[in-house]
Structure formats: structure tokens, C-alpha cells
Amino acid sequence: QLNLLGSHDTPRLLRMVGGDRDKAALARFLLFTYPGVPSVYYGDEVGLDGGRDPDNRRCMPWDEQVWDMEGWENWRELIGL
């Protein structure tokens, strides 16, 4: 089973949880502990925001100064599980 929290057809994770970073962290935890293969839509790992299509297809912000580093570290920890 391929599990995902967001894709090019849905609003971004951060938008779906109303900007609540604790809810986003819980969603990530469930994604990585649920049976199946977790899939991460580009940009979600750095806190990229975006609403409905086409807003959810924003360009990847390569400037690390605008990244949500706490969220980034959380993704890395979960991947390490």
C-alpha cells in the first residue's frame, strides 16, 4: 500500500491542518508508522504551503533559510525509524 498525506491533487499538508505544526507532526508520525510505504510530496518536508490546485504545485524553495527546520528534522527522524 502506498500511503501519502498530500499530492499534486490535494492541498499541502500544512494547509490541511490549518498551519498547526503539532497536527502536521502527528500526521507524519502516522504516515511512517502505518503499514505500507510512505510517500512524501516534494516541499512538504520543508513546510511548503499551498492550497488547492494550482497553488499546491508551488516551486520548491531551495533557500534553506525559509525552510521549517524543526519539521525537516522531524521528517528525518521518522525516516530513520
Protein backbone atom coordinates (compact mmCIF):
# COMPACT_ATOMS: atom_id res chain seq x y z
CA GLN A 1 0.00 0.00 0.00
CA LEU A 2 1.32 3.44 -0.94
CA ASN A 3 0.45 5.97 1.77
CA LEU A 4 0.55 9.73 1.31
CA LEU A 5 -0.59 12.87 3.07
CA GLY A 6 -0.51 15.11 0.04
CA SER A 7 -0.03 15.07 -3.70
CA HIS A 8 -0.37 17.26 -6.76
CA ASP A 9 -4.15 16.73 -6.43
CA THR A 10 -4.55 17.90 -2.81
CA PRO A 11 -3.75 20.96 -0.73
CA ARG A 12 -0.41 20.82 1.07
CA LEU A 13 -0.17 19.06 4.43
CA LEU A 14 0.43 22.28 6.34
CA ARG A 15 -2.65 23.85 4.76
CA MET A 16 -4.84 20.81 5.51
CA VAL A 17 -4.02 21.05 9.23
CA GLY A 18 -4.66 24.78 9.34
CA GLY A 19 -0.99 25.62 9.89
CA ASP A 20 -0.90 23.64 13.15
CA ARG A 21 2.63 22.19 13.22
CA ASP A 22 1.76 19.76 16.04
CA LYS A 23 -1.04 18.25 13.93
CA ALA A 24 1.35 18.06 10.97
CA ALA A 25 3.89 16.20 13.14
CA LEU A 26 1.20 13.74 14.27
CA ALA A 27 0.14 13.17 10.66
CA ARG A 28 3.78 12.49 9.69
CA PHE A 29 4.11 10.03 12.56
CA LEU A 30 1.01 8.15 11.41
CA LEU A 31 2.25 8.16 7.81
CA PHE A 32 5.53 6.50 8.78
CA THR A 33 4.10 4.00 11.28
CA TYR A 34 1.08 2.84 9.28
CA PRO A 35 1.55 -0.40 7.29
CA GLY A 36 2.68 0.32 3.76
CA VAL A 37 5.14 2.60 2.01
CA PRO A 38 5.17 6.29 2.95
CA SER A 39 5.31 8.79 0.11
CA VAL A 40 6.33 12.43 0.63
CA TYR A 41 5.22 15.08 -1.87
CA TYR A 42 8.12 17.42 -2.63
CA GLY A 43 8.19 20.50 -0.46
CA ASP A 44 6.14 19.03 2.39
CA GLU A 45 9.38 18.07 4.11
CA VAL A 46 10.37 21.74 4.39
CA GLY A 47 6.94 23.15 5.26
CA LEU A 48 5.93 24.40 1.81
CA ASP A 49 2.41 25.83 1.98
CA GLY A 50 -0.21 25.69 -0.73
CA GLY A 51 -3.94 25.41 -1.19
CA ARG A 52 -5.96 23.84 -3.97
CA ASP A 53 -4.57 23.24 -7.45
CA PRO A 54 -2.57 25.02 -8.84
CA ASP A 55 -1.39 26.58 -5.54
CA ASN A 56 -0.27 23.14 -4.32
CA ARG A 57 2.29 22.98 -7.14
CA ARG A 58 4.46 25.85 -5.93
CA CYS A 59 8.14 25.70 -6.80
CA MET A 60 10.49 24.03 -4.35
CA PRO A 61 12.12 26.68 -2.15
CA TRP A 62 15.82 25.83 -2.39
CA ASP A 63 16.81 28.60 0.03
CA GLU A 64 17.20 26.69 3.31
CA GLN A 65 16.68 29.90 5.28
CA VAL A 66 12.94 29.72 4.52
CA TRP A 67 12.60 26.04 5.44
CA ASP A 68 10.81 24.83 8.57
CA MET A 69 13.92 23.20 10.04
CA GLU A 70 12.04 21.71 13.02
CA GLY A 71 9.68 19.96 10.62
CA TRP A 72 12.62 18.93 8.42
CA GLU A 73 14.31 17.28 11.40
CA ASN A 74 11.07 15.53 12.31
CA TRP A 75 10.82 14.07 8.80
CA ARG A 76 14.44 12.88 9.07
CA GLU A 77 13.81 11.21 12.43
CA LEU A 78 10.74 9.40 11.10
CA ILE A 79 12.61 8.22 8.00
CA GLY A 80 15.29 6.86 10.35
CA LEU A 81 12.74 4.63 12.06
